[in-house]
Amino acid sequence: MKDEIRMSFILMREDNALLFDDLHRFPKGTRRINRLRILAYAGLATMSESRLPAALSDNLSPVQRILDQDDNSLNEASVELFGNPLKC
């Protein structure tokens, strides 16, 4: 298995205006890619913190504190924005 994934995609404002506007703030290239990486990581952490390795979950204590509350608003927002998580 390769340790690298390359993706190329087109994001239209009509598809997801909030994400489009957020990414559009950054010039093309590394800054925009890094922002997308941060958003994807935060979404993954929010949706399924328990699936991350223990070493990474130690760094997510603020997220875990939010998830430990009975408020599922972050989970619901992630599902609304990105759809249901893929089953592996």
C-alpha atoms as a PDB file:
ATOM      1  CA  MET A   1       0.000   0.000   0.000  1.00  0.00           C
ATOM      2  CA  LYS A   2       1.302   3.448  -0.890  1.00  0.00           C
ATOM      3  CA  ASP A   3       1.704   6.067   1.824  1.00  0.00           C
ATOM      4  CA  GLU A   4       0.529   8.820  -0.484  1.00  0.00           C
ATOM      5  CA  ILE A   5      -2.802   9.892  -1.914  1.00  0.00           C
ATOM      6  CA  ARG A   6      -3.060  12.464  -4.666  1.00  0.00           C
ATOM      7  CA  MET A   7      -6.378  14.111  -5.333  1.00  0.00           C
ATOM      8  CA  SER A   8      -7.548  16.627  -7.841  1.00  0.00           C
ATOM      9  CA  PHE A   9     -11.098  17.922  -7.686  1.00  0.00           C
ATOM     10  CA  ILE A  10     -13.196  20.886  -8.630  1.00  0.00           C
ATOM     11  CA  LEU A  11     -15.293  22.545  -5.956  1.00  0.00           C
ATOM     12  CA  MET A  12     -18.140  24.691  -7.195  1.00  0.00           C
ATOM     13  CA  ARG A  13     -19.621  27.369  -4.957  1.00  0.00           C
ATOM     14  CA  GLU A  14     -23.069  25.878  -5.598  1.00  0.00           C
ATOM     15  CA  ASP A  15     -21.908  22.550  -4.131  1.00  0.00           C
ATOM     16  CA  ASN A  16     -20.820  23.946  -0.772  1.00  0.00           C
ATOM     17  CA  ALA A  17     -20.746  27.730  -0.423  1.00  0.00           C
ATOM     18  CA  LEU A  18     -19.345  27.759   3.116  1.00  0.00           C
ATOM     19  CA  LEU A  19     -16.391  25.521   2.254  1.00  0.00           C
ATOM     20  CA  PHE A  20     -15.830  27.320  -1.049  1.00  0.00           C
ATOM     21  CA  ASP A  21     -15.714  30.741   0.630  1.00  0.00           C
ATOM     22  CA  ASP A  22     -13.383  29.510   3.361  1.00  0.00           C
ATOM     23  CA  LEU A  23     -10.917  27.984   0.902  1.00  0.00           C
ATOM     24  CA  HIS A  24     -11.185  30.902  -1.511  1.00  0.00           C
ATOM     25  CA  ARG A  25      -9.624  33.198   1.128  1.00  0.00           C
ATOM     26  CA  PHE A  26      -6.275  31.547   0.472  1.00  0.00           C
ATOM     27  CA  PRO A  27      -4.207  31.807  -2.697  1.00  0.00           C
ATOM     28  CA  LYS A  28      -3.876  28.714  -4.843  1.00  0.00           C
ATOM     29  CA  GLY A  29      -1.362  26.170  -3.673  1.00  0.00           C
ATOM     30  CA  THR A  30       0.053  25.136  -0.346  1.00  0.00           C
ATOM     31  CA  ARG A  31      -1.953  27.440   1.925  1.00  0.00           C
ATOM     32  CA  ARG A  32      -5.272  26.338   0.459  1.00  0.00           C
ATOM     33  CA  ILE A  33      -4.292  22.666   0.586  1.00  0.00           C
ATOM     34  CA  ASN A  34      -3.172  22.995   4.209  1.00  0.00           C
ATOM     35  CA  ARG A  35      -6.482  24.657   5.137  1.00  0.00           C
ATOM     36  CA  LEU A  36      -8.406  21.817   3.508  1.00  0.00           C
ATOM     37  CA  ARG A  37      -6.211  19.310   5.363  1.00  0.00           C
ATOM     38  CA  ILE A  38      -6.954  21.035   8.691  1.00  0.00           C
ATOM     39  CA  LEU A  39     -10.696  21.081   8.000  1.00  0.00           C
ATOM     40  CA  ALA A  40     -10.693  17.419   6.997  1.00  0.00           C
ATOM     41  CA  TYR A  41      -8.719  16.422  10.084  1.00  0.00           C
ATOM     42  CA  ALA A  42     -11.001  18.414  12.385  1.00  0.00           C
ATOM     43  CA  GLY A  43     -14.067  16.862  10.772  1.00  0.00           C
ATOM     44  CA  LEU A  44     -12.632  13.386  11.143  1.00  0.00           C
ATOM     45  CA  ALA A  45     -11.716  14.022  14.767  1.00  0.00           C
ATOM     46  CA  THR A  46     -15.169  15.369  15.504  1.00  0.00           C
ATOM     47  CA  MET A  47     -17.025  12.527  13.854  1.00  0.00           C
ATOM     48  CA  SER A  48     -15.033   9.614  15.173  1.00  0.00           C
ATOM     49  CA  GLU A  49     -12.378  10.461  17.736  1.00  0.00           C
ATOM     50  CA  SER A  50     -12.374   6.860  18.921  1.00  0.00           C
ATOM     51  CA  ARG A  51     -11.031   5.592  15.587  1.00  0.00           C
ATOM     52  CA  LEU A  52      -7.844   7.687  15.799  1.00  0.00           C
ATOM     53  CA  PRO A  53      -4.662   6.182  17.262  1.00  0.00           C
ATOM     54  CA  ALA A  54      -4.178   6.770  20.989  1.00  0.00           C
ATOM     55  CA  ALA A  55      -1.146   8.990  20.392  1.00  0.00           C
ATOM     56  CA  LEU A  56      -3.236  11.356  18.294  1.00  0.00           C
ATOM     57  CA  SER A  57      -6.275  11.283  20.554  1.00  0.00           C
ATOM     58  CA  ASP A  58      -4.177  12.732  23.412  1.00  0.00           C
ATOM     59  CA  ASN A  59      -3.817  15.901  21.327  1.00  0.00           C
ATOM     60  CA  LEU A  60      -7.579  16.132  20.859  1.00  0.00           C
ATOM     61  CA  SER A  61      -8.611  16.640  24.447  1.00  0.00           C
ATOM     62  CA  PRO A  62     -10.574  19.865  23.746  1.00  0.00           C
ATOM     63  CA  VAL A  63     -12.513  18.027  21.046  1.00  0.00           C
ATOM     64  CA  GLN A  64     -13.086  15.089  23.370  1.00  0.00           C
ATOM     65  CA  ARG A  65     -14.376  17.417  26.078  1.00  0.00           C
ATOM     66  CA  ILE A  66     -16.904  18.825  23.630  1.00  0.00           C
ATOM     67  CA  LEU A  67     -17.919  15.356  22.468  1.00  0.00           C
ATOM     68  CA  ASP A  68     -18.226  14.089  26.049  1.00  0.00           C
ATOM     69  CA  GLN A  69     -20.992  16.594  26.619  1.00  0.00           C
ATOM     70  CA  ASP A  70     -24.457  15.457  25.644  1.00  0.00           C
ATOM     71  CA  ASP A  71     -24.433  18.026  22.833  1.00  0.00           C
ATOM     72  CA  ASN A  72     -24.233  16.328  19.440  1.00  0.00           C
ATOM     73  CA  SER A  73     -24.345  19.587  17.491  1.00  0.00           C
ATOM     74  CA  LEU A  74     -20.802  19.134  16.142  1.00  0.00           C
ATOM     75  CA  ASN A  75     -21.576  15.624  14.939  1.00  0.00           C
ATOM     76  CA  GLU A  76     -24.796  16.786  13.352  1.00  0.00           C
ATOM     77  CA  ALA A  77     -23.057  19.722  11.682  1.00  0.00           C
ATOM     78  CA  SER A  78     -20.352  17.454  10.278  1.00  0.00           C
ATOM     79  CA  VAL A  79     -22.907  15.016   8.908  1.00  0.00           C
ATOM     80  CA  GLU A  80     -24.861  17.888   7.383  1.00  0.00           C
ATOM     81  CA  LEU A  81     -21.742  19.337   5.775  1.00  0.00           C
ATOM     82  CA  PHE A  82     -19.918  16.189   4.675  1.00  0.00           C
ATOM     83  CA  GLY A  83     -22.572  13.444   4.756  1.00  0.00           C
ATOM     84  CA  ASN A  84     -22.448  10.205   6.707  1.00  0.00           C
ATOM     85  CA  PRO A  85     -19.006   8.658   7.306  1.00  0.00           C
ATOM     86  CA  LEU A  86     -17.903   5.843   5.022  1.00  0.00           C
ATOM     87  CA  LYS A  87     -18.042   2.342   6.488  1.00  0.00           C
ATOM     88  CA  CYS A  88     -14.730   0.523   6.185  1.00  0.00           C
END
